[in-house]
C-alpha atoms as a PDB file:
ATOM      1  CA  UNK A   1     -16.585  15.412   0.609  1.00  0.00           C
ATOM      2  CA  UNK A   2     -14.730  18.003  -1.461  1.00  0.00           C
ATOM      3  CA  UNK A   3     -12.034  18.482   1.221  1.00  0.00           C
ATOM      4  CA  UNK A   4     -11.263  14.745   1.179  1.00  0.00           C
ATOM      5  CA  UNK A   5     -11.024  14.649  -2.627  1.00  0.00           C
ATOM      6  CA  UNK A   6      -8.745  17.692  -2.545  1.00  0.00           C
ATOM      7  CA  UNK A   7      -6.496  15.938  -0.002  1.00  0.00           C
ATOM      8  CA  UNK A   8      -6.348  12.774  -2.141  1.00  0.00           C
ATOM      9  CA  UNK A   9      -5.498  14.825  -5.248  1.00  0.00           C
ATOM     10  CA  UNK A  10      -2.702  16.645  -3.401  1.00  0.00           C
ATOM     11  CA  UNK A  11      -1.294  13.374  -2.101  1.00  0.00           C
ATOM     12  CA  UNK A  12      -1.422  11.753  -5.550  1.00  0.00           C
ATOM     13  CA  UNK A  13       0.394  14.713  -7.106  1.00  0.00           C
ATOM     14  CA  UNK A  14       2.783  14.836  -4.145  1.00  0.00           C
ATOM     15  CA  UNK A  15       2.132  18.544  -4.228  1.00  0.00           C
ATOM     16  CA  UNK A  16       3.595  20.291  -1.201  1.00  0.00           C
ATOM     17  CA  UNK A  17       2.919  19.049   2.305  1.00  0.00           C
ATOM     18  CA  UNK A  18      -0.865  18.663   2.665  1.00  0.00           C
ATOM     19  CA  UNK A  19      -2.260  18.913   6.180  1.00  0.00           C
ATOM     20  CA  UNK A  20      -5.663  18.203   7.600  1.00  0.00           C
ATOM     21  CA  UNK A  21      -7.258  18.628  11.041  1.00  0.00           C
ATOM     22  CA  UNK A  22      -9.331  15.604  12.070  1.00  0.00           C
ATOM     23  CA  UNK A  23     -11.151  14.572  15.230  1.00  0.00           C
ATOM     24  CA  UNK A  24      -9.416  11.711  17.060  1.00  0.00           C
ATOM     25  CA  UNK A  25     -12.423   9.437  16.524  1.00  0.00           C
ATOM     26  CA  UNK A  26     -12.263   9.983  12.742  1.00  0.00           C
ATOM     27  CA  UNK A  27      -8.524   9.328  12.322  1.00  0.00           C
ATOM     28  CA  UNK A  28      -8.756   5.539  11.814  1.00  0.00           C
ATOM     29  CA  UNK A  29     -11.465   5.968   9.187  1.00  0.00           C
ATOM     30  CA  UNK A  30      -9.516   8.712   7.362  1.00  0.00           C
ATOM     31  CA  UNK A  31      -6.284   6.679   7.378  1.00  0.00           C
ATOM     32  CA  UNK A  32      -8.128   3.593   6.102  1.00  0.00           C
ATOM     33  CA  UNK A  33      -9.892   5.600   3.385  1.00  0.00           C
ATOM     34  CA  UNK A  34      -6.617   7.164   2.209  1.00  0.00           C
ATOM     35  CA  UNK A  35      -4.885   3.786   2.258  1.00  0.00           C
ATOM     36  CA  UNK A  36      -7.623   2.073   0.246  1.00  0.00           C
ATOM     37  CA  UNK A  37      -7.872   5.006  -2.177  1.00  0.00           C
ATOM     38  CA  UNK A  38      -4.145   5.569  -2.805  1.00  0.00           C
ATOM     39  CA  UNK A  39      -3.085   1.876  -2.768  1.00  0.00           C
ATOM     40  CA  UNK A  40       0.409   2.841  -1.584  1.00  0.00           C
ATOM     41  CA  UNK A  41       2.472   1.556   1.347  1.00  0.00           C
ATOM     42  CA  UNK A  42       1.780   3.721   4.398  1.00  0.00           C
ATOM     43  CA  UNK A  43       3.621   4.224   7.663  1.00  0.00           C
ATOM     44  CA  UNK A  44       1.664   5.733  10.553  1.00  0.00           C
ATOM     45  CA  UNK A  45       3.797   6.840  13.535  1.00  0.00           C
ATOM     46  CA  UNK A  46       2.362   7.647  16.945  1.00  0.00           C
ATOM     47  CA  UNK A  47       4.192   9.171  19.892  1.00  0.00           C
ATOM     48  CA  UNK A  48       3.343   6.410  22.380  1.00  0.00           C
ATOM     49  CA  UNK A  49       3.247   2.596  21.971  1.00  0.00           C
ATOM     50  CA  UNK A  50      -0.229   2.431  23.548  1.00  0.00           C
ATOM     51  CA  UNK A  51      -1.563   4.812  20.885  1.00  0.00           C
ATOM     52  CA  UNK A  52      -0.103   2.733  18.060  1.00  0.00           C
ATOM     53  CA  UNK A  53      -1.713  -0.445  19.419  1.00  0.00           C
ATOM     54  CA  UNK A  54      -5.063   1.334  19.792  1.00  0.00           C
ATOM     55  CA  UNK A  55      -4.893   2.769  16.247  1.00  0.00           C
ATOM     56  CA  UNK A  56      -3.877  -0.637  14.866  1.00  0.00           C
ATOM     57  CA  UNK A  57      -6.912  -2.292  16.475  1.00  0.00           C
ATOM     58  CA  UNK A  58      -9.219   0.446  15.154  1.00  0.00           C
ATOM     59  CA  UNK A  59      -7.814   0.133  11.623  1.00  0.00           C
ATOM     60  CA  UNK A  60      -8.574  -3.603  11.621  1.00  0.00           C
ATOM     61  CA  UNK A  61     -12.248  -2.597  11.522  1.00  0.00           C
ATOM     62  CA  UNK A  62     -11.829  -0.613   8.307  1.00  0.00           C
ATOM     63  CA  UNK A  63      -9.213  -2.576   6.314  1.00  0.00           C
ATOM     64  CA  UNK A  64      -8.258  -6.114   5.382  1.00  0.00           C
ATOM     65  CA  UNK A  65      -6.368  -7.489   8.404  1.00  0.00           C
ATOM     66  CA  UNK A  66      -3.639  -9.095   6.265  1.00  0.00           C
ATOM     67  CA  UNK A  67      -2.611  -5.676   4.924  1.00  0.00           C
ATOM     68  CA  UNK A  68      -2.265  -3.980   8.305  1.00  0.00           C
ATOM     69  CA  UNK A  69       0.853  -4.618  10.381  1.00  0.00           C
ATOM     70  CA  UNK A  70       1.878  -3.429  13.827  1.00  0.00           C
ATOM     71  CA  UNK A  71       5.608  -2.773  14.222  1.00  0.00           C
ATOM     72  CA  UNK A  72       6.060  -3.207  17.993  1.00  0.00           C
ATOM     73  CA  UNK A  73       8.801  -1.721  20.116  1.00  0.00           C
ATOM     74  CA  UNK A  74      11.382  -4.174  21.466  1.00  0.00           C
ATOM     75  CA  UNK A  75      10.885  -5.399  25.017  1.00  0.00           C
ATOM     76  CA  UNK A  76      14.411  -4.371  26.011  1.00  0.00           C
ATOM     77  CA  UNK A  77      15.909  -0.906  25.827  1.00  0.00           C
ATOM     78  CA  UNK A  78      18.813  -0.476  23.373  1.00  0.00           C
ATOM     79  CA  UNK A  79      21.473  -0.415  26.116  1.00  0.00           C
ATOM     80  CA  UNK A  80      20.086  -3.400  28.050  1.00  0.00           C
ATOM     81  CA  UNK A  81      21.794  -6.733  27.517  1.00  0.00           C
ATOM     82  CA  UNK A  82      18.649  -8.837  27.648  1.00  0.00           C
ATOM     83  CA  UNK A  83      16.919 -10.536  24.747  1.00  0.00           C
ATOM     84  CA  UNK A  84      13.506  -9.396  23.559  1.00  0.00           C
ATOM     85  CA  UNK A  85      10.625 -11.854  23.535  1.00  0.00           C
ATOM     86  CA  UNK A  86      10.630 -14.137  20.507  1.00  0.00           C
ATOM     87  CA  UNK A  87       7.062 -13.120  19.585  1.00  0.00           C
ATOM     88  CA  UNK A  88       8.024  -9.433  19.475  1.00  0.00           C
ATOM     89  CA  UNK A  89      11.053 -10.157  17.305  1.00  0.00           C
ATOM     90  CA  UNK A  90       8.899 -12.256  14.948  1.00  0.00           C
ATOM     91  CA  UNK A  91       6.338  -9.448  14.614  1.00  0.00           C
ATOM     92  CA  UNK A  92       9.105  -6.963  13.803  1.00  0.00           C
ATOM     93  CA  UNK A  93      10.584  -9.387  11.271  1.00  0.00           C
ATOM     94  CA  UNK A  94       7.214  -9.910   9.586  1.00  0.00           C
ATOM     95  CA  UNK A  95       6.749  -6.152   9.196  1.00  0.00           C
ATOM     96  CA  UNK A  96      10.233  -5.711   7.731  1.00  0.00           C
ATOM     97  CA  UNK A  97       9.531  -8.594   5.355  1.00  0.00           C
ATOM     98  CA  UNK A  98       6.259  -6.971   4.237  1.00  0.00           C
ATOM     99  CA  UNK A  99       8.130  -3.731   3.525  1.00  0.00           C
ATOM    100  CA  UNK A 100      10.905  -5.495   1.607  1.00  0.00           C
ATOM    101  CA  UNK A 101       8.487  -7.693  -0.346  1.00  0.00           C
ATOM    102  CA  UNK A 102       8.166  -6.885  -4.041  1.00  0.00           C
ATOM    103  CA  UNK A 103       4.526  -7.938  -4.438  1.00  0.00           C
ATOM    104  CA  UNK A 104       1.956  -6.089  -6.592  1.00  0.00           C
ATOM    105  CA  UNK A 105       0.874  -2.663  -5.249  1.00  0.00           C
ATOM    106  CA  UNK A 106      -2.512  -4.074  -4.200  1.00  0.00           C
ATOM    107  CA  UNK A 107      -0.756  -5.776  -1.294  1.00  0.00           C
ATOM    108  CA  UNK A 108       1.129  -2.671  -0.140  1.00  0.00           C
ATOM    109  CA  UNK A 109       1.269  -2.770   3.665  1.00  0.00           C
ATOM    110  CA  UNK A 110      -0.158  -0.276   6.129  1.00  0.00           C
ATOM    111  CA  UNK A 111       2.325  -0.165   9.018  1.00  0.00           C
ATOM    112  CA  UNK A 112       1.378   1.298  12.387  1.00  0.00           C
ATOM    113  CA  UNK A 113       4.186   1.966  14.842  1.00  0.00           C
ATOM    114  CA  UNK A 114       5.398   4.243  17.609  1.00  0.00           C
ATOM    115  CA  UNK A 115       8.424   6.497  17.869  1.00  0.00           C
ATOM    116  CA  UNK A 116      10.133   4.179  20.434  1.00  0.00           C
ATOM    117  CA  UNK A 117       9.746   1.226  18.028  1.00  0.00           C
ATOM    118  CA  UNK A 118      11.491   3.153  15.257  1.00  0.00           C
ATOM    119  CA  UNK A 119      14.391   4.202  17.494  1.00  0.00           C
ATOM    120  CA  UNK A 120      15.710   0.628  17.695  1.00  0.00           C
ATOM    121  CA  UNK A 121      18.176  -0.239  14.936  1.00  0.00           C
ATOM    122  CA  UNK A 122      17.242  -2.969  12.469  1.00  0.00           C
ATOM    123  CA  UNK A 123      19.125  -4.902   9.816  1.00  0.00           C
ATOM    124  CA  UNK A 124      20.151  -2.798   6.796  1.00  0.00           C
ATOM    125  CA  UNK A 125      17.820  -3.274   3.831  1.00  0.00           C
ATOM    126  CA  UNK A 126      20.566  -4.699   1.601  1.00  0.00           C
ATOM    127  CA  UNK A 127      21.433  -7.390   4.178  1.00  0.00           C
ATOM    128  CA  UNK A 128      17.777  -8.168   4.835  1.00  0.00           C
ATOM    129  CA  UNK A 129      16.911  -8.441   1.125  1.00  0.00           C
ATOM    130  CA  UNK A 130      19.993 -10.615   0.461  1.00  0.00           C
ATOM    131  CA  UNK A 131      18.568 -13.364   2.690  1.00  0.00           C
ATOM    132  CA  UNK A 132      15.345 -13.573   0.653  1.00  0.00           C
ATOM    133  CA  UNK A 133      15.164 -16.390  -1.869  1.00  0.00           C
ATOM    134  CA  UNK A 134      12.413 -18.319  -3.611  1.00  0.00           C
ATOM    135  CA  UNK A 135      12.299 -22.087  -3.879  1.00  0.00           C
ATOM    136  CA  UNK A 136      10.034 -23.792  -6.400  1.00  0.00           C
ATOM    137  CA  UNK A 137       9.169 -27.331  -7.370  1.00  0.00           C
ATOM    138  CA  UNK A 138      11.627 -28.753  -9.889  1.00  0.00           C
ATOM    139  CA  UNK A 139      14.561 -26.556  -8.836  1.00  0.00           C
ATOM    140  CA  UNK A 140      17.984 -28.152  -8.401  1.00  0.00           C
ATOM    141  CA  UNK A 141      19.446 -27.275  -5.010  1.00  0.00           C
ATOM    142  CA  UNK A 142      21.851 -29.257  -2.899  1.00  0.00           C
ATOM    143  CA  UNK A 143      19.970 -29.890   0.391  1.00  0.00           C
ATOM    144  CA  UNK A 144      23.027 -29.488   2.640  1.00  0.00           C
ATOM    145  CA  UNK A 145      23.923 -26.125   1.055  1.00  0.00           C
ATOM    146  CA  UNK A 146      20.347 -24.987   1.605  1.00  0.00           C
ATOM    147  CA  UNK A 147      20.469 -26.045   5.261  1.00  0.00           C
ATOM    148  CA  UNK A 148      23.838 -24.288   5.707  1.00  0.00           C
ATOM    149  CA  UNK A 149      22.435 -21.106   4.166  1.00  0.00           C
ATOM    150  CA  UNK A 150      19.429 -21.139   6.476  1.00  0.00           C
ATOM    151  CA  UNK A 151      21.562 -21.798   9.557  1.00  0.00           C
ATOM    152  CA  UNK A 152      23.837 -18.895   8.557  1.00  0.00           C
ATOM    153  CA  UNK A 153      20.879 -16.479   8.595  1.00  0.00           C
ATOM    154  CA  UNK A 154      19.682 -17.677  12.001  1.00  0.00           C
ATOM    155  CA  UNK A 155      17.454 -20.727  11.608  1.00  0.00           C
ATOM    156  CA  UNK A 156      17.873 -23.374  14.335  1.00  0.00           C
ATOM    157  CA  UNK A 157      18.068 -27.091  13.545  1.00  0.00           C
ATOM    158  CA  UNK A 158      15.414 -29.001  15.513  1.00  0.00           C
ATOM    159  CA  UNK A 159      13.914 -32.495  15.425  1.00  0.00           C
ATOM    160  CA  UNK A 160      10.426 -31.091  14.763  1.00  0.00           C
ATOM    161  CA  UNK A 161       9.571 -27.631  13.396  1.00  0.00           C
ATOM    162  CA  UNK A 162       6.976 -26.206  15.762  1.00  0.00           C
ATOM    163  CA  UNK A 163       7.977 -22.544  15.994  1.00  0.00           C
ATOM    164  CA  UNK A 164       9.026 -19.992  13.377  1.00  0.00           C
ATOM    165  CA  UNK A 165      12.761 -19.865  12.721  1.00  0.00           C
ATOM    166  CA  UNK A 166      13.372 -23.618  12.903  1.00  0.00           C
ATOM    167  CA  UNK A 167      14.365 -26.251  10.324  1.00  0.00           C
ATOM    168  CA  UNK A 168      14.483 -30.039  10.346  1.00  0.00           C
ATOM    169  CA  UNK A 169      16.170 -32.590   8.081  1.00  0.00           C
ATOM    170  CA  UNK A 170      15.361 -36.283   7.698  1.00  0.00           C
ATOM    171  CA  UNK A 171      16.679 -38.115   4.653  1.00  0.00           C
ATOM    172  CA  UNK A 172      15.274 -36.441   1.540  1.00  0.00           C
ATOM    173  CA  UNK A 173      12.872 -34.231   3.496  1.00  0.00           C
ATOM    174  CA  UNK A 174      13.523 -30.735   4.837  1.00  0.00           C
ATOM    175  CA  UNK A 175      10.940 -28.960   6.976  1.00  0.00           C
ATOM    176  CA  UNK A 176      11.200 -25.203   7.483  1.00  0.00           C
ATOM    177  CA  UNK A 177       9.076 -22.805   9.494  1.00  0.00           C
ATOM    178  CA  UNK A 178       9.711 -19.383   7.930  1.00  0.00           C
ATOM    179  CA  UNK A 179       9.430 -16.469  10.327  1.00  0.00           C
ATOM    180  CA  UNK A 180       7.063 -14.733   7.915  1.00  0.00           C
ATOM    181  CA  UNK A 181       4.583 -17.627   7.507  1.00  0.00           C
ATOM    182  CA  UNK A 182       1.781 -18.893   9.699  1.00  0.00           C
ATOM    183  CA  UNK A 183       2.593 -22.546   8.944  1.00  0.00           C
ATOM    184  CA  UNK A 184       5.739 -24.583   8.243  1.00  0.00           C
ATOM    185  CA  UNK A 185       6.581 -25.932   4.784  1.00  0.00           C
ATOM    186  CA  UNK A 186       7.995 -29.277   3.678  1.00  0.00           C
ATOM    187  CA  UNK A 187      10.456 -29.813   0.844  1.00  0.00           C
ATOM    188  CA  UNK A 188      10.833 -33.329  -0.528  1.00  0.00           C
ATOM    189  CA  UNK A 189      13.970 -33.991  -2.569  1.00  0.00           C
ATOM    190  CA  UNK A 190      14.661 -36.530  -5.274  1.00  0.00           C
ATOM    191  CA  UNK A 191      18.444 -36.287  -5.370  1.00  0.00           C
ATOM    192  CA  UNK A 192      19.081 -32.538  -5.568  1.00  0.00           C
ATOM    193  CA  UNK A 193      15.743 -31.741  -7.233  1.00  0.00           C
ATOM    194  CA  UNK A 194      12.756 -30.483  -5.252  1.00  0.00           C
ATOM    195  CA  UNK A 195      10.023 -32.981  -5.889  1.00  0.00           C
END
């Protein structure tokens, strides 16, 4: 459609503030088409949390599910002194990690959220990015310093790592369940070298 191609061209040139009127039923398809065509990170904000969840589910039909993230609103209001559910906090952390990740543009995330979810403060980008580090086979790292670093950023020491955000240490083995992964990882040390 010529109108669609004109919209894509305007968005690519970042020319002005392009607007388009679309039927509600066509919005998920249009957002998915723009996302796949532009290959840029996108943030879609809805007024209500229910609308963001509905749009997220509709977008899963049109796009790769690993690229689409839902940034949920916290369970507690900002002034309440109760903790949010761990699953909600993990989802929010995974979205922030996807935004901070420096992967190739082909893996740019499509974030769907609501205005109430954005109103809650999060960790500053500089602090969040400072906790990111990569560990590879053959690296020399002192295991106890690594454990101390992880505990300082919020990981809990457990006997067995079964939930994200936990670590375990037995001899020359460290298990970690990163909050951004679906499975835990195991590091085996030979002295201070990751074997």
